[in-house]
Amino acid sequence: MVPLLSMPTARAQPALSLPLECQLNQGAWQPCTLTIEQMGERWWLQIGKQRLVFHSNGRGTITLSDPTGVSRTVQPMWTAQRELCWDGVCTKGDFPLD
């Protein structure tokens, strides 16, 4: 029997952080950071002191959780100006699409 401590552990990919611009509810654009914890599954936007967490269930449903812990289902949409929005939360910049 091999002790668990001597077994190699799988290493998780480090989170990827990208500088973007964000807009909340059609307000002013401001610098923000997109951090991807798990590509296509879990990511968040850091806008000043506010963190908005997104989770995809892999079946087309995306949930947005705000700093108060309130979660709601959102729909992604690309605009003609090449902005990616989720029901009032918009981002623009260089996105990793793979």
N, C-alpha and C. Protein backbone atom coordinates (compact mmCIF):
# COMPACT_ATOMS: atom_id res chain seq x y z
N MET A 1 0.85 -1.18 0.00
CA MET A 1 0.00 0.00 0.00
C MET A 1 0.89 1.24 0.00
N VAL A 2 0.60 2.20 -0.87
CA VAL A 2 1.40 3.43 -0.99
C VAL A 2 0.75 4.52 -0.15
N PRO A 3 1.52 5.17 0.74
CA PRO A 3 0.94 6.27 1.52
C PRO A 3 0.53 7.41 0.60
N LEU A 4 -0.59 8.05 0.93
CA LEU A 4 -1.10 9.14 0.11
C LEU A 4 -0.12 10.30 0.02
N LEU A 5 0.66 10.54 1.05
CA LEU A 5 1.57 11.68 1.05
C LEU A 5 2.68 11.53 0.02
N SER A 6 2.99 10.29 -0.36
CA SER A 6 4.08 10.11 -1.32
C SER A 6 3.60 10.10 -2.76
N MET A 7 2.28 10.15 -2.97
CA MET A 7 1.76 10.14 -4.33
C MET A 7 1.87 11.53 -4.94
N PRO A 8 2.21 11.60 -6.23
CA PRO A 8 2.28 12.91 -6.88
C PRO A 8 0.89 13.54 -6.93
N THR A 9 0.85 14.84 -6.77
CA THR A 9 -0.43 15.54 -6.81
C THR A 9 -0.60 16.23 -8.15
N ALA A 10 -1.82 16.28 -8.60
CA ALA A 10 -2.11 17.00 -9.85
C ALA A 10 -2.04 18.49 -9.57
N ARG A 11 -1.39 19.21 -10.44
CA ARG A 11 -1.28 20.65 -10.26
C ARG A 11 -2.35 21.36 -11.08
N ALA A 12 -3.05 22.24 -10.42
CA ALA A 12 -4.07 23.03 -11.12
C ALA A 12 -3.39 24.12 -11.94
N GLN A 13 -4.00 24.48 -13.03
CA GLN A 13 -3.49 25.58 -13.83
C GLN A 13 -3.64 26.87 -13.02
N PRO A 14 -2.65 27.75 -13.06
CA PRO A 14 -2.80 29.02 -12.35
C PRO A 14 -3.87 29.86 -13.03
N ALA A 15 -4.52 30.69 -12.23
CA ALA A 15 -5.55 31.57 -12.77
C ALA A 15 -4.92 32.55 -13.75
N LEU A 16 -5.65 32.89 -14.77
CA LEU A 16 -5.20 33.84 -15.79
C LEU A 16 -5.89 35.17 -15.53
N SER A 17 -5.13 36.25 -15.37
CA SER A 17 -5.70 37.58 -15.14
C SER A 17 -5.37 38.50 -16.31
N LEU A 18 -6.37 39.23 -16.77
CA LEU A 18 -6.22 40.12 -17.91
C LEU A 18 -6.78 41.50 -17.60
N PRO A 19 -6.07 42.56 -17.99
CA PRO A 19 -6.62 43.90 -17.81
C PRO A 19 -7.66 44.19 -18.90
N LEU A 20 -8.81 44.69 -18.49
CA LEU A 20 -9.88 45.05 -19.41
C LEU A 20 -10.47 46.39 -18.99
N GLU A 21 -11.51 46.79 -19.67
CA GLU A 21 -12.33 47.91 -19.24
C GLU A 21 -13.72 47.37 -18.98
N CYS A 22 -14.38 47.88 -17.93
CA CYS A 22 -15.71 47.42 -17.57
C CYS A 22 -16.68 48.58 -17.44
N GLN A 23 -17.93 48.26 -17.65
CA GLN A 23 -19.00 49.23 -17.54
C GLN A 23 -20.16 48.56 -16.81
N LEU A 24 -20.68 49.22 -15.79
CA LEU A 24 -21.81 48.69 -15.05
C LEU A 24 -23.04 49.54 -15.33
N ASN A 25 -24.11 48.89 -15.78
CA ASN A 25 -25.39 49.56 -16.02
C ASN A 25 -25.26 50.84 -16.83
N GLN A 26 -24.51 50.79 -17.91
CA GLN A 26 -24.30 51.88 -18.86
C GLN A 26 -23.61 53.10 -18.24
N GLY A 27 -22.89 52.89 -17.14
CA GLY A 27 -22.11 53.96 -16.52
C GLY A 27 -20.81 54.19 -17.28
N ALA A 28 -19.89 54.88 -16.64
CA ALA A 28 -18.60 55.17 -17.26
C ALA A 28 -17.75 53.90 -17.35
N TRP A 29 -16.93 53.82 -18.40
CA TRP A 29 -15.97 52.73 -18.54
C TRP A 29 -14.86 52.96 -17.53
N GLN A 30 -14.41 51.88 -16.90
CA GLN A 30 -13.34 51.97 -15.91
C GLN A 30 -12.44 50.75 -16.01
N PRO A 31 -11.18 50.89 -15.59
CA PRO A 31 -10.28 49.73 -15.63
C PRO A 31 -10.81 48.62 -14.72
N CYS A 32 -10.60 47.39 -15.16
CA CYS A 32 -10.99 46.24 -14.35
C CYS A 32 -10.06 45.08 -14.72
N THR A 33 -10.18 44.00 -13.98
CA THR A 33 -9.37 42.81 -14.24
C THR A 33 -10.30 41.62 -14.38
N LEU A 34 -10.11 40.86 -15.45
CA LEU A 34 -10.80 39.59 -15.64
C LEU A 34 -9.85 38.50 -15.16
N THR A 35 -10.31 37.69 -14.22
CA THR A 35 -9.52 36.55 -13.75
C THR A 35 -10.28 35.28 -14.09
N ILE A 36 -9.62 34.40 -14.82
CA ILE A 36 -10.23 33.14 -15.22
C ILE A 36 -9.66 32.04 -14.34
N GLU A 37 -10.50 31.49 -13.49
CA GLU A 37 -10.07 30.40 -12.61
C GLU A 37 -10.11 29.07 -13.36
N GLN A 38 -11.19 28.85 -14.10
CA GLN A 38 -11.35 27.63 -14.89
C GLN A 38 -11.99 28.06 -16.21
N MET A 39 -11.26 27.97 -17.31
CA MET A 39 -11.72 28.45 -18.61
C MET A 39 -13.10 27.89 -18.94
N GLY A 40 -14.05 28.78 -19.22
CA GLY A 40 -15.39 28.38 -19.59
C GLY A 40 -16.28 27.95 -18.45
N GLU A 41 -15.75 27.92 -17.21
CA GLU A 41 -16.54 27.47 -16.07
C GLU A 41 -16.66 28.51 -14.97
N ARG A 42 -15.54 29.12 -14.59
CA ARG A 42 -15.57 30.05 -13.46
C ARG A 42 -14.58 31.18 -13.71
N TRP A 43 -15.07 32.43 -13.60
CA TRP A 43 -14.24 33.62 -13.79
C TRP A 43 -14.86 34.75 -12.99
N TRP A 44 -14.08 35.82 -12.81
CA TRP A 44 -14.63 36.99 -12.13
C TRP A 44 -14.04 38.26 -12.68
N LEU A 45 -14.79 39.34 -12.46
CA LEU A 45 -14.35 40.69 -12.80
C LEU A 45 -14.10 41.44 -11.51
N GLN A 46 -12.94 42.04 -11.40
CA GLN A 46 -12.62 42.90 -10.26
C GLN A 46 -12.71 44.33 -10.76
N ILE A 47 -13.71 45.05 -10.28
CA ILE A 47 -13.95 46.43 -10.69
C ILE A 47 -13.80 47.29 -9.44
N GLY A 48 -12.64 47.90 -9.27
CA GLY A 48 -12.36 48.60 -8.02
C GLY A 48 -12.37 47.61 -6.88
N LYS A 49 -13.18 47.86 -5.86
CA LYS A 49 -13.28 46.94 -4.72
C LYS A 49 -14.38 45.91 -4.90
N GLN A 50 -15.08 45.98 -6.00
CA GLN A 50 -16.21 45.09 -6.25
C GLN A 50 -15.79 43.90 -7.10
N ARG A 51 -16.15 42.70 -6.64
CA ARG A 51 -15.87 41.48 -7.40
C ARG A 51 -17.19 40.85 -7.83
N LEU A 52 -17.30 40.62 -9.14
CA LEU A 52 -18.47 39.95 -9.70
C LEU A 52 -18.02 38.58 -10.19
N VAL A 53 -18.61 37.52 -9.64
CA VAL A 53 -18.19 36.15 -9.92
C VAL A 53 -19.19 35.50 -10.88
N PHE A 54 -18.66 34.87 -11.93
CA PHE A 54 -19.47 34.20 -12.94
C PHE A 54 -19.20 32.70 -12.87
N HIS A 55 -20.26 31.91 -13.07
CA HIS A 55 -20.13 30.46 -13.10
C HIS A 55 -21.01 29.92 -14.21
N SER A 56 -20.43 29.09 -15.07
CA SER A 56 -21.18 28.43 -16.13
C SER A 56 -21.35 26.96 -15.76
N ASN A 57 -22.57 26.46 -15.92
CA ASN A 57 -22.81 25.05 -15.60
C ASN A 57 -22.47 24.13 -16.76
N GLY A 58 -21.99 24.68 -17.88
CA GLY A 58 -21.61 23.87 -19.02
C GLY A 58 -22.78 23.49 -19.91
N ARG A 59 -23.99 23.89 -19.53
CA ARG A 59 -25.18 23.59 -20.32
C ARG A 59 -25.88 24.86 -20.78
N GLY A 60 -25.14 25.99 -20.80
CA GLY A 60 -25.70 27.23 -21.32
C GLY A 60 -26.19 28.21 -20.28
N THR A 61 -26.14 27.85 -19.00
CA THR A 61 -26.60 28.76 -17.95
C THR A 61 -25.40 29.39 -17.26
N ILE A 62 -25.39 30.73 -17.20
CA ILE A 62 -24.34 31.47 -16.52
C ILE A 62 -24.96 32.20 -15.34
N THR A 63 -24.35 32.05 -14.18
CA THR A 63 -24.81 32.71 -12.97
C THR A 63 -23.81 33.77 -12.57
N LEU A 64 -24.31 34.94 -12.20
CA LEU A 64 -23.50 36.06 -11.73
C LEU A 64 -23.80 36.27 -10.26
N SER A 65 -22.75 36.26 -9.42
CA SER A 65 -22.90 36.53 -7.98
C SER A 65 -22.24 37.86 -7.67
N ASP A 66 -22.98 38.73 -6.98
CA ASP A 66 -22.42 40.04 -6.63
C ASP A 66 -21.79 40.00 -5.25
N PRO A 67 -21.15 41.10 -4.81
CA PRO A 67 -20.45 41.10 -3.51
C PRO A 67 -21.35 40.83 -2.31
N THR A 68 -22.66 41.05 -2.44
CA THR A 68 -23.57 40.78 -1.32
C THR A 68 -23.98 39.32 -1.26
N GLY A 69 -23.56 38.53 -2.26
CA GLY A 69 -23.90 37.12 -2.29
C GLY A 69 -25.15 36.81 -3.08
N VAL A 70 -25.78 37.83 -3.66
CA VAL A 70 -26.96 37.61 -4.47
C VAL A 70 -26.54 37.06 -5.83
N SER A 71 -27.18 35.97 -6.25
CA SER A 71 -26.88 35.35 -7.54
C SER A 71 -28.07 35.48 -8.47
N ARG A 72 -27.76 35.65 -9.76
CA ARG A 72 -28.81 35.71 -10.77
C ARG A 72 -28.28 35.13 -12.07
N THR A 73 -29.18 34.59 -12.86
CA THR A 73 -28.82 34.06 -14.16
C THR A 73 -28.70 35.21 -15.14
N VAL A 74 -27.62 35.20 -15.95
CA VAL A 74 -27.39 36.25 -16.94
C VAL A 74 -27.17 35.63 -18.31
N GLN A 75 -27.38 36.43 -19.34
CA GLN A 75 -27.17 36.00 -20.71
C GLN A 75 -26.01 36.77 -21.32
N PRO A 76 -25.03 36.09 -21.90
CA PRO A 76 -23.93 36.79 -22.57
C PRO A 76 -24.39 37.33 -23.93
N MET A 77 -23.82 38.47 -24.32
CA MET A 77 -24.16 39.06 -25.61
C MET A 77 -22.97 39.88 -26.10
N TRP A 78 -22.59 39.70 -27.35
CA TRP A 78 -21.58 40.53 -27.99
C TRP A 78 -22.29 41.71 -28.63
N THR A 79 -21.76 42.92 -28.46
CA THR A 79 -22.33 44.10 -29.09
C THR A 79 -21.61 44.39 -30.40
N ALA A 80 -22.17 45.30 -31.18
CA ALA A 80 -21.55 45.71 -32.45
C ALA A 80 -20.20 46.38 -32.21
N GLN A 81 -19.99 46.92 -31.00
CA GLN A 81 -18.72 47.58 -30.66
C GLN A 81 -17.69 46.60 -30.09
N ARG A 82 -17.96 45.30 -30.22
CA ARG A 82 -17.06 44.23 -29.76
C ARG A 82 -16.91 44.22 -28.25
N GLU A 83 -17.99 44.51 -27.55
CA GLU A 83 -18.04 44.43 -26.09
C GLU A 83 -18.80 43.17 -25.72
N LEU A 84 -18.35 42.51 -24.67
CA LEU A 84 -19.04 41.33 -24.16
C LEU A 84 -19.82 41.76 -22.93
N CYS A 85 -21.13 41.56 -22.97
CA CYS A 85 -22.00 42.01 -21.87
C CYS A 85 -22.79 40.84 -21.29
N TRP A 86 -23.08 40.97 -20.01
CA TRP A 86 -23.95 40.04 -19.30
C TRP A 86 -24.98 40.88 -18.54
N ASP A 87 -26.11 41.16 -19.15
CA ASP A 87 -27.22 41.86 -18.48
C ASP A 87 -26.77 43.06 -17.65
N GLY A 88 -26.19 44.07 -18.28
CA GLY A 88 -25.80 45.29 -17.58
C GLY A 88 -24.35 45.36 -17.15
N VAL A 89 -23.61 44.26 -17.29
CA VAL A 89 -22.18 44.24 -16.98
C VAL A 89 -21.46 44.04 -18.31
N CYS A 90 -20.70 45.04 -18.75
CA CYS A 90 -20.02 44.96 -20.05
C CYS A 90 -18.51 45.05 -19.88
N THR A 91 -17.80 44.37 -20.78
CA THR A 91 -16.34 44.39 -20.78
C THR A 91 -15.86 44.60 -22.21
N LYS A 92 -14.68 45.20 -22.33
CA LYS A 92 -14.04 45.29 -23.63
C LYS A 92 -12.54 45.18 -23.44
N GLY A 93 -11.89 44.60 -24.44
CA GLY A 93 -10.46 44.38 -24.39
C GLY A 93 -10.13 43.10 -25.14
N ASP A 94 -8.94 42.56 -24.88
CA ASP A 94 -8.50 41.33 -25.54
C ASP A 94 -8.94 40.13 -24.71
N PHE A 95 -9.86 39.35 -25.26
CA PHE A 95 -10.41 38.19 -24.56
C PHE A 95 -9.78 36.90 -25.07
N PRO A 96 -9.49 35.96 -24.17
CA PRO A 96 -9.07 34.64 -24.62
C PRO A 96 -10.33 33.85 -25.00
N LEU A 97 -10.47 33.49 -26.24
CA LEU A 97 -11.69 32.83 -26.68
C LEU A 97 -11.56 31.32 -26.80
N ASP A 98 -10.40 30.78 -26.50
CA ASP A 98 -10.22 29.32 -26.56
C ASP A 98 -10.24 28.74 -25.17
